[in-house]
Structure formats: structure tokens, C-alpha cells
PDB file of N, CA and C in Angstrom:
ATOM      1  N   GLU A   1       3.801  -3.119 -11.194  1.00  0.00           N
ATOM      2  CA  GLU A   1       4.127  -1.984 -11.719  1.00  0.00           C
ATOM      3  C   GLU A   1       4.564  -0.574 -11.123  1.00  0.00           C
ATOM      4  N   ILE A   2       3.785  -0.863  -9.724  1.00  0.00           N
ATOM      5  CA  ILE A   2       4.066   0.601  -8.757  1.00  0.00           C
ATOM      6  C   ILE A   2       5.369   0.498  -8.003  1.00  0.00           C
ATOM      7  N   ALA A   3       5.775  -0.915  -7.967  1.00  0.00           N
ATOM      8  CA  ALA A   3       7.251  -1.078  -7.083  1.00  0.00           C
ATOM      9  C   ALA A   3       8.201  -0.789  -7.777  1.00  0.00           C
ATOM     10  N   ASP A   4       9.332   0.058  -7.186  1.00  0.00           N
ATOM     11  CA  ASP A   4      10.090   0.649  -8.302  1.00  0.00           C
ATOM     12  C   ASP A   4      11.390  -0.578  -8.235  1.00  0.00           C
ATOM     13  N   SER A   5      11.424  -1.600  -7.615  1.00  0.00           N
ATOM     14  CA  SER A   5      12.363  -2.744  -7.724  1.00  0.00           C
ATOM     15  C   SER A   5      11.657  -4.110  -7.406  1.00  0.00           C
ATOM     16  N   ASN A   6      12.387  -5.281  -7.763  1.00  0.00           N
ATOM     17  CA  ASN A   6      11.740  -6.528  -7.219  1.00  0.00           C
ATOM     18  C   ASN A   6      12.132  -6.584  -5.777  1.00  0.00           C
ATOM     19  N   SER A   7      13.124  -6.356  -5.216  1.00  0.00           N
ATOM     20  CA  SER A   7      13.359  -6.078  -3.911  1.00  0.00           C
ATOM     21  C   SER A   7      11.986  -5.102  -2.744  1.00  0.00           C
ATOM     22  N   ILE A   8      11.501  -4.198  -3.508  1.00  0.00           N
ATOM     23  CA  ILE A   8      10.746  -3.582  -2.902  1.00  0.00           C
ATOM     24  C   ILE A   8       9.610  -4.165  -3.173  1.00  0.00           C
ATOM     25  N   LEU A   9       9.204  -5.156  -4.436  1.00  0.00           N
ATOM     26  CA  LEU A   9       7.963  -5.790  -4.401  1.00  0.00           C
ATOM     27  C   LEU A   9       7.901  -6.947  -3.319  1.00  0.00           C
ATOM     28  N   ASN A  10       9.055  -7.643  -3.067  1.00  0.00           N
ATOM     29  CA  ASN A  10       8.925  -8.720  -2.502  1.00  0.00           C
ATOM     30  C   ASN A  10       8.799  -8.388  -1.097  1.00  0.00           C
ATOM     31  N   ASN A  11       9.438  -7.422  -0.589  1.00  0.00           N
ATOM     32  CA  ASN A  11       9.259  -6.686   1.005  1.00  0.00           C
ATOM     33  C   ASN A  11       7.909  -6.129   1.051  1.00  0.00           C
ATOM     34  N   GLY A  12       7.311  -5.445   0.307  1.00  0.00           N
ATOM     35  CA  GLY A  12       5.945  -5.241   0.542  1.00  0.00           C
ATOM     36  C   GLY A  12       4.755  -6.398   0.908  1.00  0.00           C
ATOM     37  N   ILE A  13       4.929  -7.517  -0.160  1.00  0.00           N
ATOM     38  CA  ILE A  13       4.318  -8.660  -0.225  1.00  0.00           C
ATOM     39  C   ILE A  13       4.806  -9.392   1.338  1.00  0.00           C
ATOM     40  N   ARG A  14       6.049  -9.156   1.664  1.00  0.00           N
ATOM     41  CA  ARG A  14       6.220  -9.906   3.003  1.00  0.00           C
ATOM     42  C   ARG A  14       5.778  -9.010   3.957  1.00  0.00           C
ATOM     43  N   TYR A  15       5.629  -7.763   3.859  1.00  0.00           N
ATOM     44  CA  TYR A  15       4.786  -6.754   5.022  1.00  0.00           C
ATOM     45  C   TYR A  15       3.688  -7.012   5.162  1.00  0.00           C
ATOM     46  N   PHE A  16       2.953  -7.508   4.006  1.00  0.00           N
ATOM     47  CA  PHE A  16       1.468  -7.806   3.944  1.00  0.00           C
ATOM     48  C   PHE A  16       1.322  -9.041   4.738  1.00  0.00           C
ATOM     49  N   HIS A  17       2.110 -10.036   4.566  1.00  0.00           N
ATOM     50  CA  HIS A  17       2.096 -11.315   4.853  1.00  0.00           C
ATOM     51  C   HIS A  17       2.320 -11.319   6.615  1.00  0.00           C
ATOM     52  N   GLU A  18       3.161 -10.540   6.927  1.00  0.00           N
ATOM     53  CA  GLU A  18       3.342 -10.366   8.564  1.00  0.00           C
ATOM     54  C   GLU A  18       2.530  -9.385   9.231  1.00  0.00           C
ATOM     55  N   GLY A  19       1.227  -9.108   8.764  1.00  0.00           N
ATOM     56  CA  GLY A  19       0.213  -8.457   9.080  1.00  0.00           C
ATOM     57  C   GLY A  19       0.570  -6.946   9.591  1.00  0.00           C
ATOM     58  N   ARG A  20       1.641  -6.523   8.614  1.00  0.00           N
ATOM     59  CA  ARG A  20       1.864  -5.022   9.058  1.00  0.00           C
ATOM     60  C   ARG A  20       0.821  -4.046   8.727  1.00  0.00           C
ATOM     61  N   VAL A  21      -0.001  -4.300   7.598  1.00  0.00           N
ATOM     62  CA  VAL A  21      -1.273  -3.417   7.211  1.00  0.00           C
ATOM     63  C   VAL A  21      -2.171  -3.353   8.555  1.00  0.00           C
ATOM     64  N   LYS A  22      -2.138  -2.266   9.271  1.00  0.00           N
ATOM     65  CA  LYS A  22      -2.900  -2.135  10.638  1.00  0.00           C
ATOM     66  C   LYS A  22      -4.071  -1.739  10.499  1.00  0.00           C
ATOM     67  N   LYS A  23      -4.302  -0.621   9.327  1.00  0.00           N
ATOM     68  CA  LYS A  23      -5.612   0.038   9.227  1.00  0.00           C
ATOM     69  C   LYS A  23      -5.721  -0.132   7.809  1.00  0.00           C
ATOM     70  N   PHE A  24      -7.188  -0.280   7.287  1.00  0.00           N
ATOM     71  CA  PHE A  24      -7.442  -0.347   5.797  1.00  0.00           C
ATOM     72  C   PHE A  24      -8.848   0.167   5.403  1.00  0.00           C
ATOM     73  N   GLN A  25      -9.102   0.864   4.741  1.00  0.00           N
ATOM     74  CA  GLN A  25     -10.573   1.493   4.535  1.00  0.00           C
ATOM     75  C   GLN A  25     -10.296   2.142   2.949  1.00  0.00           C
ATOM     76  N   ILE A  26     -11.271   1.701   2.141  1.00  0.00           N
ATOM     77  CA  ILE A  26     -11.906   2.295   1.025  1.00  0.00           C
ATOM     78  C   ILE A  26     -12.847   3.155   0.851  1.00  0.00           C
ATOM     79  N   LYS A  27     -12.653   4.461   0.496  1.00  0.00           N
ATOM     80  CA  LYS A  27     -13.381   5.300   0.515  1.00  0.00           C
ATOM     81  C   LYS A  27     -13.709   5.926  -0.797  1.00  0.00           C
ATOM     82  N   ASP A  28     -14.973   6.096  -1.579  1.00  0.00           N
ATOM     83  CA  ASP A  28     -14.681   6.781  -2.764  1.00  0.00           C
ATOM     84  C   ASP A  28     -13.799   6.083  -3.926  1.00  0.00           C
ATOM     85  N   ASN A  29     -12.902   6.735  -4.493  1.00  0.00           N
ATOM     86  CA  ASN A  29     -11.676   6.361  -5.445  1.00  0.00           C
ATOM     87  C   ASN A  29     -10.525   6.236  -4.657  1.00  0.00           C
ATOM     88  N   SER A  30     -10.264   6.133  -3.333  1.00  0.00           N
ATOM     89  CA  SER A  30      -9.256   6.241  -2.524  1.00  0.00           C
ATOM     90  C   SER A  30      -9.118   5.257  -1.366  1.00  0.00           C
ATOM     91  N   ILE A  31      -7.805   4.534  -1.257  1.00  0.00           N
ATOM     92  CA  ILE A  31      -7.669   3.657  -0.098  1.00  0.00           C
ATOM     93  C   ILE A  31      -6.895   4.212   0.939  1.00  0.00           C
ATOM     94  N   PHE A  32      -7.088   4.306   2.310  1.00  0.00           N
ATOM     95  CA  PHE A  32      -6.683   5.002   3.293  1.00  0.00           C
ATOM     96  C   PHE A  32      -5.859   3.688   4.105  1.00  0.00           C
ATOM     97  N   ALA A  33      -4.591   3.664   4.645  1.00  0.00           N
ATOM     98  CA  ALA A  33      -4.121   2.710   5.338  1.00  0.00           C
ATOM     99  C   ALA A  33      -3.149   3.180   6.095  1.00  0.00           C
ATOM    100  N   LYS A  34      -2.800   2.347   7.117  1.00  0.00           N
ATOM    101  CA  LYS A  34      -1.271   2.570   7.937  1.00  0.00           C
ATOM    102  C   LYS A  34      -0.795   1.355   8.083  1.00  0.00           C
ATOM    103  N   VAL A  35       0.466   1.404   7.901  1.00  0.00           N
ATOM    104  CA  VAL A  35       1.490  -0.076   7.982  1.00  0.00           C
ATOM    105  C   VAL A  35       2.624   0.540   8.841  1.00  0.00           C
ATOM    106  N   LYS A  36       2.735  -0.969   9.545  1.00  0.00           N
ATOM    107  CA  LYS A  36       3.867  -0.579  10.494  1.00  0.00           C
ATOM    108  C   LYS A  36       5.127  -1.082  10.092  1.00  0.00           C
ATOM    109  N   GLY A  37       6.111  -0.065   9.891  1.00  0.00           N
ATOM    110  CA  GLY A  37       7.516  -0.404   9.673  1.00  0.00           C
ATOM    111  C   GLY A  37       8.387   0.052  10.748  1.00  0.00           C
ATOM    112  N   ARG A  38       9.426   0.857  10.571  1.00  0.00           N
ATOM    113  CA  ARG A  38      10.344   1.345  11.592  1.00  0.00           C
ATOM    114  C   ARG A  38       9.565   1.997  12.456  1.00  0.00           C
ATOM    115  N   HIS A  39       8.193   3.256  11.881  1.00  0.00           N
ATOM    116  CA  HIS A  39       7.232   3.839  12.122  1.00  0.00           C
ATOM    117  C   HIS A  39       5.959   3.200  11.721  1.00  0.00           C
ATOM    118  N   LEU A  40       4.885   4.158  12.231  1.00  0.00           N
ATOM    119  CA  LEU A  40       3.504   3.898  11.627  1.00  0.00           C
ATOM    120  C   LEU A  40       3.505   4.869  10.589  1.00  0.00           C
ATOM    121  N   TYR A  41       3.225   4.046   9.513  1.00  0.00           N
ATOM    122  CA  TYR A  41       3.359   5.130   8.221  1.00  0.00           C
ATOM    123  C   TYR A  41       1.917   5.354   7.696  1.00  0.00           C
ATOM    124  N   ASN A  42       1.625   6.543   7.374  1.00  0.00           N
ATOM    125  CA  ASN A  42       0.248   6.624   6.806  1.00  0.00           C
ATOM    126  C   ASN A  42       0.524   6.752   5.042  1.00  0.00           C
ATOM    127  N   ILE A  43      -0.707   5.832   4.514  1.00  0.00           N
ATOM    128  CA  ILE A  43      -0.752   5.659   2.902  1.00  0.00           C
ATOM    129  C   ILE A  43      -1.779   6.065   2.727  1.00  0.00           C
ATOM    130  N   VAL A  44      -2.091   6.697   1.341  1.00  0.00           N
ATOM    131  CA  VAL A  44      -3.498   7.163   0.627  1.00  0.00           C
ATOM    132  C   VAL A  44      -2.996   7.072  -0.566  1.00  0.00           C
ATOM    133  N   ILE A  45      -3.764   6.183  -1.425  1.00  0.00           N
ATOM    134  CA  ILE A  45      -3.506   5.474  -2.704  1.00  0.00           C
ATOM    135  C   ILE A  45      -4.990   6.222  -3.431  1.00  0.00           C
ATOM    136  N   ARG A  46      -4.783   6.762  -4.319  1.00  0.00           N
ATOM    137  CA  ARG A  46      -5.898   7.998  -4.992  1.00  0.00           C
ATOM    138  C   ARG A  46      -6.009   6.872  -6.378  1.00  0.00           C
ATOM    139  N   ILE A  47      -6.950   6.688  -6.909  1.00  0.00           N
ATOM    140  CA  ILE A  47      -7.265   5.669  -8.315  1.00  0.00           C
ATOM    141  C   ILE A  47      -7.961   6.312  -9.191  1.00  0.00           C
ATOM    142  N   ASN A  48      -7.716   6.867 -10.224  1.00  0.00           N
ATOM    143  CA  ASN A  48      -8.465   7.630 -11.200  1.00  0.00           C
ATOM    144  C   ASN A  48      -8.332   7.199 -12.544  1.00  0.00           C
ATOM    145  N   LYS A  49      -9.638   6.899 -13.149  1.00  0.00           N
ATOM    146  CA  LYS A  49      -9.288   6.005 -14.313  1.00  0.00           C
ATOM    147  C   LYS A  49      -8.141   5.073 -14.778  1.00  0.00           C
ATOM    148  N   GLU A  50      -8.118   4.236 -13.728  1.00  0.00           N
ATOM    149  CA  GLU A  50      -7.102   3.058 -13.606  1.00  0.00           C
ATOM    150  C   GLU A  50      -5.563   3.268 -13.442  1.00  0.00           C
ATOM    151  N   LYS A  51      -5.481   4.780 -13.078  1.00  0.00           N
ATOM    152  CA  LYS A  51      -4.156   5.301 -12.789  1.00  0.00           C
ATOM    153  C   LYS A  51      -3.997   5.251 -11.152  1.00  0.00           C
ATOM    154  N   ILE A  52      -2.877   4.830 -10.727  1.00  0.00           N
ATOM    155  CA  ILE A  52      -2.865   4.827  -9.271  1.00  0.00           C
ATOM    156  C   ILE A  52      -2.016   6.075  -8.974  1.00  0.00           C
ATOM    157  N   PHE A  53      -2.237   6.770  -7.947  1.00  0.00           N
ATOM    158  CA  PHE A  53      -1.324   7.959  -7.372  1.00  0.00           C
ATOM    159  C   PHE A  53      -0.919   7.521  -5.947  1.00  0.00           C
ATOM    160  N   PRO A  54      -0.109   6.858  -5.576  1.00  0.00           N
ATOM    161  CA  PRO A  54       0.219   6.620  -4.110  1.00  0.00           C
ATOM    162  C   PRO A  54       0.836   7.607  -3.302  1.00  0.00           C
ATOM    163  N   MET A  55       0.563   7.828  -1.875  1.00  0.00           N
ATOM    164  CA  MET A  55       1.229   8.699  -1.215  1.00  0.00           C
ATOM    165  C   MET A  55       1.661   7.897   0.111  1.00  0.00           C
ATOM    166  N   CYS A  56       3.111   8.013   0.499  1.00  0.00           N
ATOM    167  CA  CYS A  56       3.105   7.482   1.876  1.00  0.00           C
ATOM    168  C   CYS A  56       4.170   8.433   2.654  1.00  0.00           C
ATOM    169  N   SER A  57       3.810   8.324   4.055  1.00  0.00           N
ATOM    170  CA  SER A  57       4.778   9.454   4.877  1.00  0.00           C
ATOM    171  C   SER A  57       5.729   8.709   5.002  1.00  0.00           C
ATOM    172  N   CYS A  58       6.364   7.892   4.647  1.00  0.00           N
ATOM    173  CA  CYS A  58       7.707   7.139   4.845  1.00  0.00           C
ATOM    174  C   CYS A  58       9.028   8.108   4.059  1.00  0.00           C
ATOM    175  N   PRO A  59      10.151   7.908   4.278  1.00  0.00           N
ATOM    176  CA  PRO A  59      11.105   8.969   3.917  1.00  0.00           C
ATOM    177  C   PRO A  59      11.689   8.520   2.277  1.00  0.00           C
ATOM    178  N   TYR A  60      10.997   7.248   1.934  1.00  0.00           N
ATOM    179  CA  TYR A  60      11.699   6.549   0.734  1.00  0.00           C
ATOM    180  C   TYR A  60      11.181   7.619  -0.306  1.00  0.00           C
ATOM    181  N   PRO A  61      12.224   8.111  -1.309  1.00  0.00           N
ATOM    182  CA  PRO A  61      12.012   8.872  -2.309  1.00  0.00           C
ATOM    183  C   PRO A  61      11.724   8.305  -3.808  1.00  0.00           C
ATOM    184  N   GLY A  62      11.122   7.289  -3.818  1.00  0.00           N
ATOM    185  CA  GLY A  62      10.774   6.568  -4.954  1.00  0.00           C
ATOM    186  C   GLY A  62       9.343   6.755  -5.249  1.00  0.00           C
ATOM    187  N   PHE A  63       8.575   6.239  -6.262  1.00  0.00           N
ATOM    188  CA  PHE A  63       7.205   6.253  -6.413  1.00  0.00           C
ATOM    189  C   PHE A  63       6.341   5.318  -5.720  1.00  0.00           C
ATOM    190  N   GLY A  64       7.030   3.949  -5.856  1.00  0.00           N
ATOM    191  CA  GLY A  64       6.347   2.879  -4.957  1.00  0.00           C
ATOM    192  C   GLY A  64       7.056   2.348  -3.736  1.00  0.00           C
ATOM    193  N   CYS A  65       6.815   2.658  -2.813  1.00  0.00           N
ATOM    194  CA  CYS A  65       7.808   2.083  -1.361  1.00  0.00           C
ATOM    195  C   CYS A  65       6.876   0.822  -1.116  1.00  0.00           C
ATOM    196  N   LYS A  66       7.832   0.057  -0.275  1.00  0.00           N
ATOM    197  CA  LYS A  66       7.115  -1.258   0.262  1.00  0.00           C
ATOM    198  C   LYS A  66       5.753  -1.492   1.091  1.00  0.00           C
ATOM    199  N   HIS A  67       5.569   0.149   1.602  1.00  0.00           N
ATOM    200  CA  HIS A  67       4.518   0.234   2.401  1.00  0.00           C
ATOM    201  C   HIS A  67       3.199   0.134   1.254  1.00  0.00           C
ATOM    202  N   VAL A  68       3.258   1.394   0.427  1.00  0.00           N
ATOM    203  CA  VAL A  68       2.483   1.139  -0.717  1.00  0.00           C
ATOM    204  C   VAL A  68       2.129  -0.483  -1.238  1.00  0.00           C
ATOM    205  N   VAL A  69       3.050  -1.201  -1.574  1.00  0.00           N
ATOM    206  CA  VAL A  69       2.964  -2.515  -2.257  1.00  0.00           C
ATOM    207  C   VAL A  69       2.053  -3.223  -0.961  1.00  0.00           C
ATOM    208  N   SER A  70       2.444  -3.489   0.137  1.00  0.00           N
ATOM    209  CA  SER A  70       1.589  -3.962   1.053  1.00  0.00           C
ATOM    210  C   SER A  70      -0.063  -3.745   1.137  1.00  0.00           C
ATOM    211  N   VAL A  71       0.055  -2.522   0.898  1.00  0.00           N
ATOM    212  CA  VAL A  71      -1.616  -1.963   1.274  1.00  0.00           C
ATOM    213  C   VAL A  71      -2.277  -2.376  -0.206  1.00  0.00           C
ATOM    214  N   LEU A  72      -1.754  -2.134  -1.364  1.00  0.00           N
ATOM    215  CA  LEU A  72      -2.246  -2.584  -2.620  1.00  0.00           C
ATOM    216  C   LEU A  72      -2.531  -4.067  -2.458  1.00  0.00           C
ATOM    217  N   TYR A  73      -1.350  -5.365  -2.144  1.00  0.00           N
ATOM    218  CA  TYR A  73      -1.525  -6.450  -2.019  1.00  0.00           C
ATOM    219  C   TYR A  73      -2.602  -6.710  -1.296  1.00  0.00           C
ATOM    220  N   HIS A  74      -2.900  -6.186   0.084  1.00  0.00           N
ATOM    221  CA  HIS A  74      -3.671  -6.184   1.140  1.00  0.00           C
ATOM    222  C   HIS A  74      -5.235  -6.158   0.233  1.00  0.00           C
ATOM    223  N   ALA A  75      -5.530  -5.134  -0.681  1.00  0.00           N
ATOM    224  CA  ALA A  75      -6.431  -4.905  -1.366  1.00  0.00           C
ATOM    225  C   ALA A  75      -6.783  -6.121  -2.244  1.00  0.00           C
ATOM    226  N   LEU A  76      -5.854  -6.312  -2.890  1.00  0.00           N
ATOM    227  CA  LEU A  76      -5.966  -7.320  -3.929  1.00  0.00           C
ATOM    228  C   LEU A  76      -6.624  -8.932  -3.299  1.00  0.00           C
ATOM    229  N   VAL A  77      -5.867  -9.085  -2.243  1.00  0.00           N
ATOM    230  CA  VAL A  77      -6.346 -10.537  -1.592  1.00  0.00           C
ATOM    231  C   VAL A  77      -7.760 -10.203  -1.119  1.00  0.00           C
ATOM    232  N   ASN A  78      -8.031  -9.080  -0.402  1.00  0.00           N
ATOM    233  CA  ASN A  78      -9.481  -8.913   0.346  1.00  0.00           C
ATOM    234  C   ASN A  78     -10.174  -8.182  -0.476  1.00  0.00           C
ATOM    235  N   LYS A  79     -10.252  -8.359  -2.092  1.00  0.00           N
ATOM    236  CA  LYS A  79     -11.079  -7.581  -2.741  1.00  0.00           C
ATOM    237  C   LYS A  79     -12.731  -7.801  -2.369  1.00  0.00           C
ATOM    238  N   ASP A  80     -12.924  -9.122  -2.079  1.00  0.00           N
ATOM    239  CA  ASP A  80     -13.978  -9.545  -1.762  1.00  0.00           C
ATOM    240  C   ASP A  80     -15.015  -8.769  -0.983  1.00  0.00           C
ATOM    241  N   LEU A  81     -14.137  -8.752   0.310  1.00  0.00           N
ATOM    242  CA  LEU A  81     -14.399  -7.923   1.468  1.00  0.00           C
ATOM    243  C   LEU A  81     -14.367  -6.546   1.279  1.00  0.00           C
ATOM    244  N   ALA A  82     -13.989  -5.766   0.287  1.00  0.00           N
ATOM    245  CA  ALA A  82     -14.006  -4.310  -0.019  1.00  0.00           C
ATOM    246  C   ALA A  82     -15.653  -4.147  -0.710  1.00  0.00           C
ATOM    247  N   ALA A  83     -16.241  -5.091  -1.349  1.00  0.00           N
ATOM    248  CA  ALA A  83     -17.050  -4.591  -2.346  1.00  0.00           C
ATOM    249  C   ALA A  83     -18.410  -4.661  -1.250  1.00  0.00           C
TER     250      ALA A  83
END
């Protein structure tokens, strides 16, 4: 639901599989990460009452970019490590 299109969803999952999520930390109700794209982008995802508020330093003008998707996919796949 975060991805603005199927293309962004697929690119975000591809970024995850390519190992582009370089830093990943969960603290309180937030996820902090860095994702390698054309540049190294900073991602902060705040979670409040099951709502997700993503922020990415990339120039994408939409709500859910491929960098945010890659971080959320990383969190989903590695949820047992985050606990």
C-alpha cells in the first residue's frame, strides 16, 4: 500500500535483494536506514497506531518511493532479528 505503483514496488523489492539497504535500525516507533541508489539516501519511517509515515531524502515527489519500499521489505523479511 505504500508503493505508488507496481513498478516502484518491484524496484524496491529488487533494491532489497541487491543488498542496497546499507544501514538499518529500529528505535522506539521508528525505522532509520540508508539505501544505496544513485546516491546514499536517508530514510526515516515512523509508525504510529499502525499508520506509516515514510520520509526519504531522494527527489521522488510521491509518498512511497522504492527506497522506502526496500527498507519496509527489509524489516518484514528480518522481523525476527529486530525483536
